[in-house]
Protein backbone atom coordinates (compact mmCIF):
# COMPACT_ATOMS: atom_id res chain seq x y z
CA MET A 1 18.20 5.53 -13.10
CA LYS A 2 19.42 5.61 -9.50
CA LEU A 3 17.11 4.88 -6.56
CA TYR A 4 17.25 6.86 -3.32
CA LYS A 5 15.31 6.37 -0.09
CA TYR A 6 14.01 9.63 1.29
CA THR A 7 14.57 8.50 4.88
CA ASP A 8 18.29 7.99 4.11
CA LEU A 9 18.73 11.53 2.76
CA SER A 10 19.91 14.43 4.89
CA GLU A 11 18.75 17.98 4.17
CA GLN A 12 22.07 18.59 2.42
CA ASN A 13 21.63 15.44 0.33
CA ILE A 14 18.22 16.66 -0.79
CA GLU A 15 19.60 20.08 -1.72
CA GLU A 16 22.35 18.43 -3.76
CA LEU A 17 19.87 16.12 -5.51
CA CYS A 18 17.72 19.10 -6.44
CA LEU A 19 20.59 21.05 -8.01
CA ARG A 20 20.56 21.22 -11.81
CA GLN A 21 24.03 22.73 -12.19
CA LEU A 22 26.26 20.93 -14.67
CA ALA A 23 30.04 20.69 -14.77
CA ASP A 24 30.51 22.72 -17.95
CA ASP A 25 28.27 25.67 -16.99
CA ALA A 26 31.29 27.99 -16.69
CA ARG A 27 32.49 27.01 -20.16
CA ILE A 28 29.05 27.65 -21.63
CA ALA A 29 28.85 31.03 -19.90
CA GLU A 30 32.17 32.10 -21.43
CA SER A 31 31.18 30.85 -24.87
CA VAL A 32 27.88 32.74 -24.71
CA LYS A 33 29.67 35.88 -23.59
CA GLU A 34 31.80 35.74 -26.73
CA ILE A 35 28.77 35.17 -28.96
CA ILE A 36 26.92 38.13 -27.46
CA ALA A 37 29.96 40.39 -27.89
CA GLN A 38 30.31 39.28 -31.52
CA VAL A 39 26.67 39.98 -32.35
CA LYS A 40 26.81 43.33 -30.57
CA ALA A 41 29.89 44.33 -32.56
CA GLU A 42 29.11 42.85 -35.99
CA GLY A 43 25.31 42.56 -36.08
CA ASP A 44 23.96 40.85 -39.19
CA GLN A 45 27.37 39.60 -40.28
CA ALA A 46 27.76 37.74 -37.00
CA LEU A 47 24.32 36.16 -37.43
CA ARG A 48 25.29 34.95 -40.91
CA SER A 49 28.59 33.56 -39.61
CA TYR A 50 26.90 31.69 -36.77
CA ALA A 51 24.21 30.32 -39.12
CA LEU A 52 26.99 28.88 -41.26
CA GLN A 53 28.89 27.55 -38.23
CA PHE A 54 26.01 26.08 -36.24
CA ASP A 55 23.18 25.53 -38.73
CA LYS A 56 25.35 24.75 -41.77
CA VAL A 57 23.38 27.27 -43.84
CA ASN A 58 24.70 30.17 -45.91
CA LEU A 59 21.99 32.80 -45.52
CA GLU A 60 21.58 35.52 -48.10
CA GLN A 61 18.62 36.96 -46.20
CA LEU A 62 18.11 36.78 -42.46
CA PHE A 63 14.32 36.58 -42.60
CA ILE A 64 11.35 35.35 -44.57
CA GLU A 65 8.25 37.47 -45.09
CA LYS A 66 4.49 37.09 -45.45
CA GLU A 67 4.33 35.82 -49.04
CA GLU A 68 6.99 33.18 -48.55
CA ILE A 69 5.55 32.22 -45.16
CA GLY A 70 2.22 31.64 -46.89
CA LYS A 71 3.79 29.43 -49.57
CA ILE A 72 5.58 27.30 -46.98
CA ALA A 73 2.46 27.13 -44.79
CA SER A 74 0.41 25.82 -47.71
CA THR A 75 2.46 22.61 -47.71
CA ILE A 76 1.40 21.59 -44.19
CA PRO A 77 -0.34 18.19 -43.99
CA ALA A 78 -4.09 18.44 -43.38
CA ASP A 79 -4.00 16.51 -40.11
CA ALA A 80 -1.23 18.71 -38.72
CA LYS A 81 -3.14 21.83 -39.75
CA SER A 82 -6.24 20.57 -37.96
CA ALA A 83 -4.23 19.69 -34.84
CA ILE A 84 -2.63 23.14 -34.72
CA ASP A 85 -6.06 24.76 -35.17
CA THR A 86 -7.43 22.81 -32.20
CA ALA A 87 -4.42 23.57 -30.01
CA TYR A 88 -4.58 27.26 -30.94
CA ALA A 89 -8.28 27.48 -30.10
CA ASN A 90 -7.71 25.94 -26.65
CA ILE A 91 -4.64 28.06 -25.89
CA LYS A 92 -6.41 31.22 -27.01
CA LYS A 93 -9.50 30.44 -24.93
CA PHE A 94 -7.47 29.78 -21.78
CA HIS A 95 -5.33 32.90 -22.13
CA ALA A 96 -8.17 35.21 -23.19
CA ALA A 97 -9.83 34.52 -19.83
CA GLN A 98 -6.85 36.26 -18.19
CA LEU A 99 -7.82 39.62 -19.73
CA TYR A 100 -9.95 41.62 -17.33
CA PRO A 101 -10.07 45.23 -16.04
CA GLU A 102 -9.36 45.94 -12.40
CA ALA A 103 -11.78 47.92 -10.25
CA LYS A 104 -11.06 51.39 -8.94
CA VAL A 105 -10.58 51.53 -5.19
CA GLU A 106 -11.44 54.53 -3.02
CA THR A 107 -8.87 54.05 -0.26
CA MET A 108 -10.44 56.92 1.70
CA PRO A 109 -13.09 59.50 0.79
CA GLY A 110 -11.84 61.52 -2.16
CA VAL A 111 -8.75 59.34 -2.83
CA SER A 112 -9.14 56.99 -5.81
CA CYS A 113 -6.50 54.45 -6.89
CA TRP A 114 -6.50 51.92 -9.70
CA ARG A 115 -4.36 49.98 -12.15
CA GLU A 116 -4.55 49.72 -15.93
CA SER A 117 -2.79 47.25 -18.20
CA ARG A 118 -0.56 48.29 -21.08
CA ALA A 119 1.00 45.84 -23.49
CA ILE A 120 4.77 45.72 -23.79
CA GLU A 121 5.33 47.44 -27.14
CA ARG A 122 8.12 45.26 -28.57
CA VAL A 123 8.66 41.64 -27.56
CA GLY A 124 10.97 38.96 -28.88
CA LEU A 125 9.90 35.33 -29.15
CA TYR A 126 12.51 32.60 -29.43
CA ILE A 127 11.25 29.40 -31.05
CA PRO A 128 13.81 26.56 -30.65
CA GLY A 129 14.74 24.46 -33.62
CA GLY A 130 17.66 22.28 -32.62
CA THR A 131 17.01 18.57 -32.12
CA ALA A 132 13.26 19.23 -32.34
CA VAL A 133 11.21 21.92 -34.08
CA LEU A 134 8.53 23.29 -31.78
CA PRO A 135 5.43 24.85 -33.38
CA SER A 136 3.74 24.36 -30.00
CA THR A 137 6.13 26.92 -28.49
CA PHE A 138 5.18 29.37 -31.25
CA LEU A 139 1.52 29.03 -30.23
CA MET A 140 2.34 29.29 -26.51
CA LEU A 141 4.25 32.55 -26.92
CA ALA A 142 2.59 34.37 -29.80
CA THR A 143 -1.00 33.70 -28.69
CA PRO A 144 -0.78 35.64 -25.39
CA ALA A 145 1.43 38.26 -27.06
CA THR A 146 -1.21 39.00 -29.68
CA LEU A 147 -4.06 38.86 -27.16
CA ALA A 148 -2.18 41.32 -24.92
CA GLY A 149 -1.87 43.72 -27.86
CA CYS A 150 1.92 43.92 -28.26
CA GLN A 151 2.58 46.28 -31.18
CA GLU A 152 5.68 44.52 -32.53
CA ILE A 153 6.33 40.80 -32.15
CA VAL A 154 9.79 39.72 -33.28
CA VAL A 155 10.08 35.98 -33.90
CA CYS A 156 13.48 34.27 -34.16
CA SER A 157 13.97 30.61 -35.02
CA PRO A 158 16.98 28.72 -36.42
CA PRO A 159 17.00 28.23 -40.21
CA GLN A 160 16.36 24.79 -41.64
CA LYS A 161 18.79 23.17 -44.05
CA ASP A 162 17.14 24.96 -46.98
CA GLY A 163 17.67 28.33 -45.32
CA LYS A 164 13.95 28.75 -44.61
CA THR A 165 11.56 27.63 -41.90
CA ASN A 166 9.32 24.55 -41.84
CA CYS A 167 5.64 24.34 -42.76
CA TYR A 168 4.53 23.98 -39.12
CA LEU A 169 6.11 27.21 -37.94
CA ALA A 170 5.01 28.95 -41.13
CA TYR A 171 1.40 27.91 -40.57
CA CYS A 172 1.55 29.09 -36.94
CA ALA A 173 2.86 32.45 -38.14
CA GLN A 174 0.05 32.72 -40.67
CA LEU A 175 -2.55 31.73 -38.07
CA LEU A 176 -1.27 34.32 -35.60
CA GLY A 177 -0.75 37.16 -38.07
CA ILE A 178 3.05 37.14 -37.77
CA GLU A 179 4.38 38.43 -41.10
CA LYS A 180 8.11 37.95 -40.63
CA ILE A 181 10.31 35.21 -39.14
CA TYR A 182 13.96 35.99 -38.47
CA LEU A 183 16.31 33.10 -39.24
CA ALA A 184 18.53 33.08 -36.18
CA GLY A 185 18.95 30.54 -33.43
CA GLY A 186 20.79 29.96 -30.19
CA ALA A 187 22.53 32.58 -28.08
CA GLN A 188 23.08 34.71 -31.18
CA ALA A 189 19.32 35.13 -31.65
CA ILE A 190 18.94 36.28 -28.05
CA ALA A 191 21.77 38.77 -28.51
CA ALA A 192 20.25 40.07 -31.74
CA MET A 193 16.89 40.75 -30.09
CA ALA A 194 18.57 42.32 -27.05
CA PHE A 195 20.87 44.73 -28.89
CA GLY A 196 19.23 44.93 -32.30
CA THR A 197 21.01 44.63 -35.64
CA ALA A 198 20.47 46.25 -39.03
CA THR A 199 17.86 43.55 -39.70
CA VAL A 200 16.59 42.30 -36.33
CA PRO A 201 14.75 44.90 -34.21
CA LYS A 202 15.72 45.47 -30.60
CA VAL A 203 12.99 44.40 -28.18
CA TYR A 204 12.07 45.26 -24.60
CA LYS A 205 11.50 41.70 -23.36
CA ILE A 206 12.60 38.28 -24.63
CA PHE A 207 10.55 35.11 -24.26
CA GLY A 208 11.09 31.46 -25.01
CA PRO A 209 12.72 28.24 -23.85
CA GLY A 210 15.91 26.82 -25.22
CA ASN A 211 19.05 24.88 -24.46
CA ARG A 212 21.64 25.93 -21.90
CA TYR A 213 23.24 28.38 -24.35
CA VAL A 214 19.93 30.15 -24.89
CA THR A 215 19.19 30.24 -21.17
CA GLN A 216 22.67 31.58 -20.41
CA ALA A 217 22.29 34.25 -23.11
CA LYS A 218 18.97 35.38 -21.64
CA GLN A 219 20.51 35.63 -18.19
CA GLN A 220 23.50 37.59 -19.48
CA VAL A 221 21.47 40.18 -21.40
CA LEU A 222 19.22 40.56 -18.36
CA ALA A 223 22.24 41.08 -16.10
CA SER A 224 23.62 43.68 -18.49
CA GLY A 225 20.46 45.75 -18.10
CA ILE A 226 19.79 45.64 -21.85
CA THR A 227 16.44 43.89 -21.88
CA ALA A 228 14.04 41.95 -19.68
CA ILE A 229 13.32 38.21 -20.00
CA ASP A 230 10.35 36.02 -19.19
CA MET A 231 12.22 33.67 -16.85
CA PRO A 232 15.22 31.32 -16.74
CA ALA A 233 13.94 28.43 -18.87
CA GLY A 234 16.62 25.88 -19.57
CA PRO A 235 16.63 22.10 -19.95
CA SER A 236 13.16 20.68 -19.40
CA GLU A 237 12.18 18.54 -16.41
CA VAL A 238 9.36 16.55 -14.86
CA LEU A 239 8.68 15.11 -11.44
CA VAL A 240 6.13 12.29 -11.31
CA PHE A 241 4.63 11.32 -7.99
CA ALA A 242 3.06 7.87 -8.33
CA ASP A 243 1.47 5.67 -5.69
CA GLU A 244 0.01 2.15 -5.83
CA THR A 245 -2.98 3.43 -7.84
CA ALA A 246 -0.74 4.50 -10.73
CA ASN A 247 -0.23 2.56 -13.94
CA PRO A 248 3.51 1.77 -14.35
CA ALA A 249 3.27 1.95 -18.16
CA PHE A 250 1.67 5.40 -17.96
CA VAL A 251 4.36 6.57 -15.53
CA ALA A 252 7.15 5.28 -17.78
CA SER A 253 5.64 7.04 -20.79
CA ASP A 254 5.57 10.34 -18.89
CA LEU A 255 9.19 10.01 -17.83
CA LEU A 256 10.28 9.17 -21.38
CA ALA A 257 8.23 11.99 -22.85
CA GLN A 258 10.35 14.33 -20.78
CA ALA A 259 13.60 12.51 -21.40
CA GLU A 260 13.35 12.73 -25.20
CA HIS A 261 13.55 16.54 -25.06
CA GLY A 262 17.32 16.43 -24.64
CA THR A 263 20.20 14.63 -22.98
CA ASP A 264 20.26 17.23 -20.18
CA SER A 265 16.55 16.87 -19.40
CA GLN A 266 15.58 15.37 -16.04
CA ALA A 267 12.80 12.89 -15.31
CA ILE A 268 12.30 12.28 -11.59
CA LEU A 269 10.08 9.55 -10.15
CA VAL A 270 8.88 9.83 -6.55
CA SER A 271 6.79 6.99 -5.15
CA THR A 272 5.44 5.45 -1.98
CA SER A 273 5.69 2.04 -3.65
CA GLU A 274 8.96 0.26 -4.38
CA THR A 275 7.00 -2.19 -6.54
CA LEU A 276 5.69 0.67 -8.66
CA ILE A 277 9.22 2.01 -9.12
CA THR A 278 10.52 -1.38 -10.21
CA GLU A 279 7.66 -1.91 -12.68
CA ALA A 280 7.96 1.62 -14.08
CA LEU A 281 11.70 1.17 -14.67
CA SER A 282 10.99 -2.08 -16.48
CA GLN A 283 8.42 -0.30 -18.63
CA ILE A 284 10.99 2.37 -19.46
CA GLU A 285 13.28 -0.27 -20.93
CA ILE A 286 10.43 -1.73 -22.99
CA GLN A 287 9.13 1.59 -24.32
CA LEU A 288 12.58 3.08 -24.89
CA ASN A 289 13.36 0.65 -27.69
CA ASP A 290 10.50 1.99 -29.82
CA LEU A 291 11.55 5.65 -29.64
CA PRO A 292 13.21 7.36 -32.64
CA ARG A 293 15.06 9.56 -30.12
CA LYS A 294 16.08 6.52 -28.07
CA ASP A 295 19.70 7.58 -27.57
CA ILE A 296 18.75 11.04 -26.32
CA ALA A 297 16.08 9.69 -23.98
CA ALA A 298 18.35 6.95 -22.65
CA GLN A 299 21.05 9.45 -21.71
CA ALA A 300 18.54 11.69 -19.95
CA ILE A 301 17.14 8.71 -18.01
CA GLU A 302 20.67 7.75 -17.02
CA ASN A 303 21.09 11.19 -15.47
CA SER A 304 17.73 11.01 -13.68
CA TYR A 305 16.66 9.18 -10.52
CA ALA A 306 13.82 7.77 -8.39
CA VAL A 307 13.05 8.52 -4.75
CA LEU A 308 11.20 6.08 -2.49
CA VAL A 309 9.20 7.91 0.17
CA ALA A 310 7.31 6.64 3.17
CA ASP A 311 4.15 8.65 2.56
CA LYS A 312 2.59 11.47 0.56
CA THR A 313 3.81 14.10 3.02
CA GLN A 314 7.41 13.15 2.26
CA ALA A 315 6.60 13.04 -1.46
CA MET A 316 5.28 16.61 -1.48
CA ALA A 317 8.15 17.82 0.70
CA PHE A 318 10.62 16.51 -1.86
CA SER A 319 8.59 17.89 -4.76
CA ASN A 320 8.49 21.35 -3.21
CA ALA A 321 12.24 21.23 -2.60
CA TYR A 322 12.85 20.21 -6.22
CA ALA A 323 10.32 22.80 -7.55
CA PRO A 324 9.69 20.99 -10.86
CA GLU A 325 8.82 22.63 -14.13
CA HIS A 326 6.18 19.91 -14.61
CA LEU A 327 4.58 18.00 -11.75
CA ILE A 328 2.45 14.93 -12.45
CA LEU A 329 0.34 13.48 -9.63
CA ALA A 330 -0.23 9.94 -10.85
CA THR A 331 -2.65 8.98 -8.10
CA ASP A 332 -6.38 8.62 -7.63
CA THR A 333 -6.14 10.80 -4.51
CA PHE A 334 -4.58 13.84 -6.18
CA GLN A 335 -7.28 16.15 -4.81
CA GLU A 336 -5.92 15.97 -1.27
CA LEU A 337 -2.41 16.83 -2.51
CA ILE A 338 -3.31 20.03 -4.36
CA PRO A 339 -3.17 22.27 -1.24
CA LYS A 340 0.28 20.85 -0.44
CA ILE A 341 1.79 22.04 -3.73
CA ILE A 342 3.89 25.14 -3.13
CA ASN A 343 6.49 25.09 -5.89
CA ALA A 344 5.70 23.87 -9.43
CA GLY A 345 5.43 25.34 -12.91
CA SER A 346 2.43 23.36 -14.15
CA VAL A 347 0.58 20.46 -12.51
CA PHE A 348 -1.08 17.45 -14.16
CA LEU A 349 -3.68 15.68 -12.06
CA GLY A 350 -4.55 11.99 -12.12
CA ASN A 351 -3.60 9.00 -14.20
CA LEU A 352 -5.23 10.25 -17.42
CA THR A 353 -3.52 13.67 -17.57
CA PRO A 354 -0.09 13.37 -19.22
CA GLU A 355 2.31 16.29 -19.46
CA SER A 356 2.13 16.12 -23.24
CA ALA A 357 -1.48 17.36 -23.10
CA GLY A 358 -0.27 20.61 -21.55
CA ASP A 359 2.74 20.73 -23.85
CA TYR A 360 0.49 20.91 -26.88
CA ALA A 361 -3.19 21.49 -26.60
CA SER A 362 -5.02 21.58 -23.26
CA GLY A 363 -4.72 25.38 -23.19
CA THR A 364 -2.23 26.09 -20.40
CA ASN A 365 1.15 27.51 -21.32
CA HIS A 366 4.15 25.22 -21.59
CA THR A 367 6.78 27.94 -21.25
CA LEU A 368 7.63 27.36 -17.60
CA PRO A 369 10.38 28.00 -15.03
CA THR A 370 13.01 25.29 -14.72
CA SER A 371 16.07 24.60 -12.55
CA GLY A 372 14.16 25.26 -9.33
CA PHE A 373 13.01 28.73 -10.40
CA ALA A 374 9.41 27.60 -9.90
CA LYS A 375 10.07 28.68 -6.31
CA ALA A 376 9.87 32.29 -7.49
CA TYR A 377 8.59 32.42 -11.09
CA SER A 378 5.31 31.63 -12.84
CA GLY A 379 4.89 30.27 -16.33
CA VAL A 380 4.19 32.56 -19.28
CA SER A 381 0.71 34.10 -19.35
CA ILE A 382 -1.04 37.25 -20.51
CA ASP A 383 0.53 38.98 -17.49
CA SER A 384 3.97 38.29 -18.95
CA PHE A 385 3.23 40.55 -21.91
CA ILE A 386 1.68 43.49 -20.08
CA LYS A 387 2.69 46.08 -17.53
CA LYS A 388 0.41 47.28 -14.76
CA ILE A 389 0.43 51.06 -14.37
CA THR A 390 -1.02 52.56 -11.20
CA PHE A 391 -3.14 55.72 -11.21
CA GLN A 392 -4.43 57.92 -8.42
CA GLN A 393 -6.61 61.02 -8.26
CA ILE A 394 -7.34 63.16 -5.23
CA SER A 395 -10.30 65.51 -4.82
CA PRO A 396 -10.36 68.58 -2.50
CA GLU A 397 -12.07 66.43 0.11
CA GLY A 398 -9.45 63.72 -0.33
CA LEU A 399 -6.56 66.18 -0.05
CA LYS A 400 -7.85 67.39 3.33
CA ALA A 401 -8.26 63.80 4.47
CA ILE A 402 -4.89 62.43 3.38
CA GLY A 403 -2.78 65.60 3.57
CA PRO A 404 -1.84 65.58 7.27
CA THR A 405 -0.78 61.92 7.08
CA VAL A 406 1.60 62.66 4.20
CA GLU A 407 2.95 65.80 5.90
CA ILE A 408 3.77 63.92 9.10
CA LEU A 409 5.46 61.00 7.29
CA ALA A 410 7.47 63.31 5.00
CA ALA A 411 8.66 65.34 7.98
CA ALA A 412 9.63 62.17 9.83
CA GLU A 413 11.82 61.18 6.87
CA GLY A 414 13.35 64.67 6.65
CA LEU A 415 11.97 65.31 3.16
CA GLN A 416 10.69 68.87 3.44
CA ALA A 417 9.90 69.30 -0.26
CA HIS A 418 7.62 66.27 -0.09
CA LYS A 419 5.80 67.88 2.86
CA ASN A 420 5.59 71.23 1.09
CA ALA A 421 3.91 69.64 -1.96
CA ILE A 422 0.99 68.85 0.32
CA THR A 423 1.09 71.98 2.49
CA ILE A 424 1.03 74.41 -0.45
CA ARG A 425 -2.11 72.73 -1.78
CA LEU A 426 -3.84 72.69 1.58
CA LYS A 427 -3.20 76.42 1.93
CA SER A 428 -4.61 77.14 -1.52
CA SER A 429 -7.99 78.85 -1.43
CA ASP A 430 -9.63 76.22 -3.66
CA GLY A 431 -7.99 73.22 -2.03
CA TYR A 432 -5.85 72.08 -5.01
């Protein structure tokens, strides 16, 4: 892990450090373009071909249904079942609090305006299953989708070696009332949900994190105008700010927790203490040896870096420039830093709040913007699964009050028909 001093960095240096672009992005984009075209043209047959090519599975059926899901779910270990139940309860409680009606507003006498929520009818949820199977992502996506009231929830996840899904995903499906899981992964799953196939329904919005192929596929189907997406959510990342009050072992564990996601993950350490950086890096070497995914984590750490800052103001300036998916404030004085946070997906406060708590069970959503998109995007929430429709109603009194304003503005814009729509009503004997 390289060490930089903030005071030695120019504005351009900082911009370059904060870039997440990788050398083979163009190659991935072209590859994804071909996959999308193949799925669009060949549908189910393309999904079967890609399952054989990428997952090494010859699929006779591209989905499993309620009965089989139940059988697989019944094999889940008791402790895992209990853990998923607890996580689900917390996630549901947090997201349910986001459901509330908005008040009607009388903008002037006789003119009432308001908004009402409507669930997106058909949504697609992508649950990764490459180097790690993620039942937590299933909970994070399907819980707000069901609470929002989406009529059709299409779930895609790569098939396991037996051509099925695992007991953890099956139990999540059972818990959430999802009666079908489509066995498709990667860019091909995104394409299937965007265009629809004979088996996989077309959806209006696609959700879910994934590798760079999945992220590129989501961006391409969005650009084509075919379907909406939640956000660009590619390789995962964390920025840890740690001062002299931080525990180096805790800091190292947080960096490694991020690094083990994948070789292209980033784990950034920002600190006011060079001693803390040195001790944390030493702890990384110690803890790394005990990890089953040691090789993956080691490569991610190699591609990550530390930044030594002079004070907390510099630390937050760098953090806001980086706009991390996850931001950990490993300091006893985190309270004073909260107002300084402008760009971040999800924030973890203090030395006893690891990112993994939010990844699994605290209640907040772990599907978050990456690659600097936290400057403009929020993480997944109930709002992600609903649309806000505006309504307005004008009484005779309101028409007389607002009418002249509309007439004048329409005339100023040269839109006579707009003006006439008001004038004809004002001239009516009953006022509407």
